């Protein structure tokens, strides 16, 4: 089996060491046991969550619209 060398911070190394079940367990085995969030966020997921979100108050919508109408571009785009 091939291997790769990686650089990690001291705190990440310490976490890997603490995660070992026994002193002989390799870091590769520890990493393979890890639970990784592999689901990338999607627009469908966001839309599904919006169904349970509370409605936005009318005053908030009015303030957003008012501020958007009053918004102007800066004179110098390099200065905020």
PDB file of N, CA and C in Angstrom:
ATOM      1  N   UNK A   1       0.854  -1.176   0.000  1.00  0.00           N
ATOM      2  CA  UNK A   1       0.000   0.000   0.000  1.00  0.00           C
ATOM      3  C   UNK A   1       0.894   1.232   0.000  1.00  0.00           C
ATOM      4  N   UNK A   2       0.548   2.183  -0.829  1.00  0.00           N
ATOM      5  CA  UNK A   2       1.343   3.407  -0.889  1.00  0.00           C
ATOM      6  C   UNK A   2       0.973   4.317   0.276  1.00  0.00           C
ATOM      7  N   UNK A   3       1.814   5.317   0.500  1.00  0.00           N
ATOM      8  CA  UNK A   3       1.546   6.258   1.588  1.00  0.00           C
ATOM      9  C   UNK A   3       1.890   7.663   1.120  1.00  0.00           C
ATOM     10  N   UNK A   4       1.383   8.640   1.860  1.00  0.00           N
ATOM     11  CA  UNK A   4       1.625  10.058   1.581  1.00  0.00           C
ATOM     12  C   UNK A   4       2.099  10.709   2.870  1.00  0.00           C
ATOM     13  N   UNK A   5       3.026  11.617   2.754  1.00  0.00           N
ATOM     14  CA  UNK A   5       3.449  12.414   3.905  1.00  0.00           C
ATOM     15  C   UNK A   5       2.610  13.672   3.939  1.00  0.00           C
ATOM     16  N   UNK A   6       2.127  14.023   5.118  1.00  0.00           N
ATOM     17  CA  UNK A   6       1.344  15.245   5.275  1.00  0.00           C
ATOM     18  C   UNK A   6       1.906  16.038   6.450  1.00  0.00           C
ATOM     19  N   UNK A   7       1.664  17.331   6.439  1.00  0.00           N
ATOM     20  CA  UNK A   7       2.036  18.186   7.560  1.00  0.00           C
ATOM     21  C   UNK A   7       0.766  18.577   8.288  1.00  0.00           C
ATOM     22  N   UNK A   8       0.792  18.451   9.615  1.00  0.00           N
ATOM     23  CA  UNK A   8      -0.347  18.857  10.421  1.00  0.00           C
ATOM     24  C   UNK A   8       0.167  19.677  11.596  1.00  0.00           C
ATOM     25  N   UNK A   9      -0.725  20.448  12.181  1.00  0.00           N
ATOM     26  CA  UNK A   9      -0.330  21.268  13.325  1.00  0.00           C
ATOM     27  C   UNK A   9      -0.175  20.389  14.557  1.00  0.00           C
ATOM     28  N   UNK A  10       0.492  20.932  15.557  1.00  0.00           N
ATOM     29  CA  UNK A  10       0.715  20.192  16.812  1.00  0.00           C
ATOM     30  C   UNK A  10      -0.602  19.796  17.462  1.00  0.00           C
ATOM     31  N   UNK A  11      -1.586  20.703  17.451  1.00  0.00           N
ATOM     32  CA  UNK A  11      -2.856  20.375  18.101  1.00  0.00           C
ATOM     33  C   UNK A  11      -3.598  19.274  17.343  1.00  0.00           C
ATOM     34  N   UNK A  12      -3.496  19.251  16.013  1.00  0.00           N
ATOM     35  CA  UNK A  12      -4.128  18.179  15.236  1.00  0.00           C
ATOM     36  C   UNK A  12      -3.442  16.847  15.531  1.00  0.00           C
ATOM     37  N   UNK A  13      -2.129  16.869  15.658  1.00  0.00           N
ATOM     38  CA  UNK A  13      -1.378  15.658  16.001  1.00  0.00           C
ATOM     39  C   UNK A  13      -1.804  15.134  17.372  1.00  0.00           C
ATOM     40  N   UNK A  14      -1.957  16.042  18.323  1.00  0.00           N
ATOM     41  CA  UNK A  14      -2.365  15.647  19.673  1.00  0.00           C
ATOM     42  C   UNK A  14      -3.765  15.035  19.647  1.00  0.00           C
ATOM     43  N   UNK A  15      -4.657  15.595  18.842  1.00  0.00           N
ATOM     44  CA  UNK A  15      -6.013  15.047  18.748  1.00  0.00           C
ATOM     45  C   UNK A  15      -5.991  13.646  18.147  1.00  0.00           C
ATOM     46  N   UNK A  16      -5.169  13.444  17.131  1.00  0.00           N
ATOM     47  CA  UNK A  16      -5.056  12.107  16.540  1.00  0.00           C
ATOM     48  C   UNK A  16      -4.537  11.103  17.565  1.00  0.00           C
ATOM     49  N   UNK A  17      -3.527  11.499  18.316  1.00  0.00           N
ATOM     50  CA  UNK A  17      -2.977  10.596  19.334  1.00  0.00           C
ATOM     51  C   UNK A  17      -4.026  10.232  20.374  1.00  0.00           C
ATOM     52  N   UNK A  18      -4.800  11.226  20.822  1.00  0.00           N
ATOM     53  CA  UNK A  18      -5.837  10.957  21.831  1.00  0.00           C
ATOM     54  C   UNK A  18      -6.962  10.091  21.269  1.00  0.00           C
ATOM     55  N   UNK A  19      -7.175  10.140  19.958  1.00  0.00           N
ATOM     56  CA  UNK A  19      -8.268   9.393  19.347  1.00  0.00           C
ATOM     57  C   UNK A  19      -7.948   7.919  19.135  1.00  0.00           C
ATOM     58  N   UNK A  20      -6.689   7.543  19.316  1.00  0.00           N
ATOM     59  CA  UNK A  20      -6.324   6.143  19.122  1.00  0.00           C
ATOM     60  C   UNK A  20      -6.987   5.266  20.181  1.00  0.00           C
ATOM     61  N   UNK A  21      -7.461   4.090  19.754  1.00  0.00           N
ATOM     62  CA  UNK A  21      -8.071   3.141  20.687  1.00  0.00           C
ATOM     63  C   UNK A  21      -7.007   2.419  21.508  1.00  0.00           C
ATOM     64  N   UNK A  22      -5.827   2.257  20.930  1.00  0.00           N
ATOM     65  CA  UNK A  22      -4.712   1.607  21.623  1.00  0.00           C
ATOM     66  C   UNK A  22      -3.414   2.155  21.025  1.00  0.00           C
ATOM     67  N   UNK A  23      -2.315   2.063  21.753  1.00  0.00           N
ATOM     68  CA  UNK A  23      -1.052   2.657  21.267  1.00  0.00           C
ATOM     69  C   UNK A  23      -0.585   2.139  19.916  1.00  0.00           C
ATOM     70  N   UNK A  24      -0.982   0.939  19.538  1.00  0.00           N
ATOM     71  CA  UNK A  24      -0.544   0.383  18.264  1.00  0.00           C
ATOM     72  C   UNK A  24      -1.405   0.789  17.077  1.00  0.00           C
ATOM     73  N   UNK A  25      -2.507   1.484  17.340  1.00  0.00           N
ATOM     74  CA  UNK A  25      -3.377   1.877  16.227  1.00  0.00           C
ATOM     75  C   UNK A  25      -2.713   2.993  15.431  1.00  0.00           C
ATOM     76  N   UNK A  26      -2.686   2.834  14.116  1.00  0.00           N
ATOM     77  CA  UNK A  26      -2.045   3.834  13.256  1.00  0.00           C
ATOM     78  C   UNK A  26      -2.952   5.042  13.082  1.00  0.00           C
ATOM     79  N   UNK A  27      -2.340   6.154  12.701  1.00  0.00           N
ATOM     80  CA  UNK A  27      -3.133   7.344  12.421  1.00  0.00           C
ATOM     81  C   UNK A  27      -4.065   7.101  11.235  1.00  0.00           C
ATOM     82  N   UNK A  28      -3.638   6.307  10.278  1.00  0.00           N
ATOM     83  CA  UNK A  28      -4.511   5.972   9.148  1.00  0.00           C
ATOM     84  C   UNK A  28      -5.769   5.273   9.632  1.00  0.00           C
ATOM     85  N   UNK A  29      -5.631   4.373  10.582  1.00  0.00           N
ATOM     86  CA  UNK A  29      -6.795   3.682  11.127  1.00  0.00           C
ATOM     87  C   UNK A  29      -7.708   4.661  11.871  1.00  0.00           C
ATOM     88  N   UNK A  30      -7.112   5.581  12.608  1.00  0.00           N
ATOM     89  CA  UNK A  30      -7.905   6.585  13.322  1.00  0.00           C
ATOM     90  C   UNK A  30      -8.687   7.427  12.323  1.00  0.00           C
ATOM     91  N   UNK A  31      -8.023   7.863  11.269  1.00  0.00           N
ATOM     92  CA  UNK A  31      -8.680   8.705  10.263  1.00  0.00           C
ATOM     93  C   UNK A  31      -9.793   7.936   9.568  1.00  0.00           C
ATOM     94  N   UNK A  32      -9.562   6.668   9.257  1.00  0.00           N
ATOM     95  CA  UNK A  32     -10.598   5.866   8.598  1.00  0.00           C
ATOM     96  C   UNK A  32     -11.837   5.705   9.478  1.00  0.00           C
ATOM     97  N   UNK A  33     -11.657   5.686  10.801  1.00  0.00           N
ATOM     98  CA  UNK A  33     -12.793   5.584  11.717  1.00  0.00           C
ATOM     99  C   UNK A  33     -13.579   6.884  11.813  1.00  0.00           C
ATOM    100  N   UNK A  34     -12.965   7.969  11.386  1.00  0.00           N
ATOM    101  CA  UNK A  34     -13.593   9.283  11.525  1.00  0.00           C
ATOM    102  C   UNK A  34     -14.902   9.393  10.775  1.00  0.00           C
ATOM    103  N   UNK A  35     -15.788  10.213  11.304  1.00  0.00           N
ATOM    104  CA  UNK A  35     -17.071  10.494  10.652  1.00  0.00           C
ATOM    105  C   UNK A  35     -16.934  11.848   9.970  1.00  0.00           C
ATOM    106  N   UNK A  36     -17.046  11.869   8.667  1.00  0.00           N
ATOM    107  CA  UNK A  36     -16.843  13.088   7.901  1.00  0.00           C
ATOM    108  C   UNK A  36     -18.142  13.530   7.274  1.00  0.00           C
ATOM    109  N   UNK A  37     -18.400  14.800   7.323  1.00  0.00           N
ATOM    110  CA  UNK A  37     -19.578  15.372   6.687  1.00  0.00           C
ATOM    111  C   UNK A  37     -19.272  15.500   5.193  1.00  0.00           C
ATOM    112  N   UNK A  38     -19.806  14.568   4.412  1.00  0.00           N
ATOM    113  CA  UNK A  38     -19.488  14.545   2.982  1.00  0.00           C
ATOM    114  C   UNK A  38     -20.584  15.168   2.131  1.00  0.00           C
ATOM    115  N   UNK A  39     -21.712  15.520   2.759  1.00  0.00           N
ATOM    116  CA  UNK A  39     -22.805  16.098   1.992  1.00  0.00           C
ATOM    117  C   UNK A  39     -22.589  17.593   1.819  1.00  0.00           C
ATOM    118  N   UNK A  40     -22.383  17.985   0.587  1.00  0.00           N
ATOM    119  CA  UNK A  40     -22.226  19.405   0.286  1.00  0.00           C
ATOM    120  C   UNK A  40     -23.599  20.068   0.363  1.00  0.00           C
ATOM    121  N   UNK A  41     -23.644  21.300   0.856  1.00  0.00           N
ATOM    122  CA  UNK A  41     -24.936  21.991   0.895  1.00  0.00           C
ATOM    123  C   UNK A  41     -25.472  22.201  -0.521  1.00  0.00           C
ATOM    124  N   UNK A  42     -26.783  22.071  -0.647  1.00  0.00           N
ATOM    125  CA  UNK A  42     -27.410  22.246  -1.954  1.00  0.00           C
ATOM    126  C   UNK A  42     -28.543  23.258  -1.848  1.00  0.00           C
ATOM    127  N   UNK A  43     -28.945  23.774  -2.974  1.00  0.00           N
ATOM    128  CA  UNK A  43     -30.083  24.690  -3.016  1.00  0.00           C
ATOM    129  C   UNK A  43     -31.345  23.959  -2.577  1.00  0.00           C
ATOM    130  N   UNK A  44     -31.483  22.687  -2.935  1.00  0.00           N
ATOM    131  CA  UNK A  44     -32.664  21.917  -2.533  1.00  0.00           C
ATOM    132  C   UNK A  44     -32.727  21.794  -1.014  1.00  0.00           C
ATOM    133  N   UNK A  45     -31.588  21.545  -0.384  1.00  0.00           N
ATOM    134  CA  UNK A  45     -31.557  21.470   1.073  1.00  0.00           C
ATOM    135  C   UNK A  45     -31.921  22.797   1.713  1.00  0.00           C
ATOM    136  N   UNK A  46     -31.416  23.876   1.151  1.00  0.00           N
ATOM    137  CA  UNK A  46     -31.730  25.206   1.672  1.00  0.00           C
ATOM    138  C   UNK A  46     -33.218  25.482   1.542  1.00  0.00           C
ATOM    139  N   UNK A  47     -33.791  25.167   0.374  1.00  0.00           N
ATOM    140  CA  UNK A  47     -35.219  25.394   0.160  1.00  0.00           C
ATOM    141  C   UNK A  47     -36.057  24.546   1.120  1.00  0.00           C
ATOM    142  N   UNK A  48     -35.635  23.325   1.369  1.00  0.00           N
ATOM    143  CA  UNK A  48     -36.360  22.465   2.299  1.00  0.00           C
ATOM    144  C   UNK A  48     -36.352  23.055   3.700  1.00  0.00           C
ATOM    145  N   UNK A  49     -35.226  23.614   4.100  1.00  0.00           N
ATOM    146  CA  UNK A  49     -35.133  24.237   5.423  1.00  0.00           C
ATOM    147  C   UNK A  49     -35.970  25.506   5.512  1.00  0.00           C
ATOM    148  N   UNK A  50     -36.163  26.184   4.405  1.00  0.00           N
ATOM    149  CA  UNK A  50     -36.944  27.416   4.414  1.00  0.00           C
ATOM    150  C   UNK A  50     -38.408  27.160   4.763  1.00  0.00           C
ATOM    151  N   UNK A  51     -38.894  25.940   4.491  1.00  0.00           N
ATOM    152  CA  UNK A  51     -40.276  25.606   4.821  1.00  0.00           C
ATOM    153  C   UNK A  51     -40.547  25.728   6.319  1.00  0.00           C
ATOM    154  N   UNK A  52     -39.523  25.469   7.141  1.00  0.00           N
ATOM    155  CA  UNK A  52     -39.714  25.522   8.587  1.00  0.00           C
ATOM    156  C   UNK A  52     -39.225  26.840   9.198  1.00  0.00           C
ATOM    157  N   UNK A  53     -38.714  27.747   8.376  1.00  0.00           N
ATOM    158  CA  UNK A  53     -38.232  29.033   8.888  1.00  0.00           C
ATOM    159  C   UNK A  53     -39.412  29.955   9.183  1.00  0.00           C
ATOM    160  N   UNK A  54     -39.279  30.769  10.227  1.00  0.00           N
ATOM    161  CA  UNK A  54     -40.371  31.706  10.513  1.00  0.00           C
ATOM    162  C   UNK A  54     -40.446  32.774   9.428  1.00  0.00           C
ATOM    163  N   UNK A  55     -41.638  33.341   9.207  1.00  0.00           N
ATOM    164  CA  UNK A  55     -41.760  34.389   8.187  1.00  0.00           C
ATOM    165  C   UNK A  55     -41.007  35.650   8.614  1.00  0.00           C
ATOM    166  N   UNK A  56     -40.530  36.391   7.631  1.00  0.00           N
ATOM    167  CA  UNK A  56     -39.820  37.642   7.889  1.00  0.00           C
ATOM    168  C   UNK A  56     -40.854  38.738   8.137  1.00  0.00           C
ATOM    169  N   UNK A  57     -40.624  39.513   9.187  1.00  0.00           N
ATOM    170  CA  UNK A  57     -41.569  40.571   9.514  1.00  0.00           C
ATOM    171  C   UNK A  57     -41.575  41.639   8.421  1.00  0.00           C
ATOM    172  N   UNK A  58     -42.741  42.223   8.201  1.00  0.00           N
ATOM    173  CA  UNK A  58     -42.912  43.241   7.165  1.00  0.00           C
ATOM    174  C   UNK A  58     -41.972  44.418   7.382  1.00  0.00           C
ATOM    175  N   UNK A  59     -41.745  44.800   8.645  1.00  0.00           N
ATOM    176  CA  UNK A  59     -40.869  45.943   8.927  1.00  0.00           C
ATOM    177  C   UNK A  59     -39.428  45.672   8.481  1.00  0.00           C
ATOM    178  N   UNK A  60     -39.005  44.426   8.590  1.00  0.00           N
ATOM    179  CA  UNK A  60     -37.650  44.059   8.146  1.00  0.00           C
ATOM    180  C   UNK A  60     -37.565  44.164   6.630  1.00  0.00           C
ATOM    181  N   UNK A  61     -38.561  43.653   5.941  1.00  0.00           N
ATOM    182  CA  UNK A  61     -38.572  43.731   4.482  1.00  0.00           C
ATOM    183  C   UNK A  61     -38.580  45.181   4.007  1.00  0.00           C
ATOM    184  N   UNK A  62     -39.367  46.030   4.674  1.00  0.00           N
ATOM    185  CA  UNK A  62     -39.416  47.445   4.307  1.00  0.00           C
ATOM    186  C   UNK A  62     -38.065  48.114   4.526  1.00  0.00           C
ATOM    187  N   UNK A  63     -37.397  47.801   5.639  1.00  0.00           N
ATOM    188  CA  UNK A  63     -36.086  48.386   5.923  1.00  0.00           C
ATOM    189  C   UNK A  63     -35.061  47.938   4.894  1.00  0.00           C
ATOM    190  N   UNK A  64     -35.089  46.673   4.518  1.00  0.00           N
ATOM    191  CA  UNK A  64     -34.160  46.174   3.503  1.00  0.00           C
ATOM    192  C   UNK A  64     -34.382  46.861   2.163  1.00  0.00           C
ATOM    193  N   UNK A  65     -35.633  46.997   1.779  1.00  0.00           N
ATOM    194  CA  UNK A  65     -35.934  47.651   0.507  1.00  0.00           C
ATOM    195  C   UNK A  65     -35.509  49.121   0.531  1.00  0.00           C
ATOM    196  N   UNK A  66     -35.780  49.808   1.638  1.00  0.00           N
ATOM    197  CA  UNK A  66     -35.405  51.217   1.771  1.00  0.00           C
ATOM    198  C   UNK A  66     -33.878  51.377   1.693  1.00  0.00           C
ATOM    199  N   UNK A  67     -33.174  50.528   2.409  1.00  0.00           N
ATOM    200  CA  UNK A  67     -31.709  50.617   2.397  1.00  0.00           C
ATOM    201  C   UNK A  67     -31.130  50.291   1.029  1.00  0.00           C
ATOM    202  N   UNK A  68     -31.746  49.344   0.334  1.00  0.00           N
ATOM    203  CA  UNK A  68     -31.256  49.007  -0.999  1.00  0.00           C
ATOM    204  C   UNK A  68     -31.448  50.178  -1.954  1.00  0.00           C
ATOM    205  N   UNK A  69     -32.554  50.879  -1.846  1.00  0.00           N
ATOM    206  CA  UNK A  69     -32.808  52.033  -2.713  1.00  0.00           C
ATOM    207  C   UNK A  69     -31.839  53.172  -2.413  1.00  0.00           C
ATOM    208  N   UNK A  70     -31.425  53.308  -1.154  1.00  0.00           N
ATOM    209  CA  UNK A  70     -30.529  54.392  -0.756  1.00  0.00           C
ATOM    210  C   UNK A  70     -29.054  54.042  -0.921  1.00  0.00           C
ATOM    211  N   UNK A  71     -28.772  52.809  -1.272  1.00  0.00           N
ATOM    212  CA  UNK A  71     -27.388  52.365  -1.388  1.00  0.00           C
ATOM    213  C   UNK A  71     -26.762  52.928  -2.661  1.00  0.00           C
ATOM    214  N   UNK A  72     -25.539  53.422  -2.532  1.00  0.00           N
ATOM    215  CA  UNK A  72     -24.808  53.921  -3.697  1.00  0.00           C
ATOM    216  C   UNK A  72     -23.416  53.309  -3.710  1.00  0.00           C
ATOM    217  N   UNK A  73     -22.865  53.223  -4.882  1.00  0.00           N
ATOM    218  CA  UNK A  73     -21.510  52.685  -5.009  1.00  0.00           C
ATOM    219  C   UNK A  73     -20.509  53.694  -4.453  1.00  0.00           C
ATOM    220  N   UNK A  74     -19.405  53.223  -3.854  1.00  0.00           N
ATOM    221  CA  UNK A  74     -18.395  54.145  -3.362  1.00  0.00           C
ATOM    222  C   UNK A  74     -17.735  54.885  -4.525  1.00  0.00           C
ATOM    223  N   UNK A  75     -17.247  56.080  -4.263  1.00  0.00           N
ATOM    224  CA  UNK A  75     -16.566  56.857  -5.313  1.00  0.00           C
ATOM    225  C   UNK A  75     -15.301  56.150  -5.775  1.00  0.00           C
ATOM    226  N   UNK A  76     -14.577  55.585  -4.827  1.00  0.00           N
ATOM    227  CA  UNK A  76     -13.361  54.850  -5.132  1.00  0.00           C
ATOM    228  C   UNK A  76     -13.590  53.402  -4.737  1.00  0.00           C
ATOM    229  N   UNK A  77     -13.590  52.487  -5.709  1.00  0.00           N
ATOM    230  CA  UNK A  77     -13.902  51.095  -5.409  1.00  0.00           C
ATOM    231  C   UNK A  77     -12.864  50.429  -4.515  1.00  0.00           C
ATOM    232  N   UNK A  78     -11.712  51.040  -4.314  1.00  0.00           N
ATOM    233  CA  UNK A  78     -10.667  50.462  -3.478  1.00  0.00           C
ATOM    234  C   UNK A  78     -10.775  50.928  -2.034  1.00  0.00           C
ATOM    235  N   UNK A  79     -11.679  51.848  -1.762  1.00  0.00           N
ATOM    236  CA  UNK A  79     -11.875  52.341  -0.400  1.00  0.00           C
ATOM    237  C   UNK A  79     -13.291  52.000   0.006  1.00  0.00           C
ATOM    238  N   UNK A  80     -13.445  51.355   1.145  1.00  0.00           N
ATOM    239  CA  UNK A  80     -14.798  50.970   1.573  1.00  0.00           C
ATOM    240  C   UNK A  80     -15.479  52.094   2.300  1.00  0.00           C
TER     241      UNK A  80
END
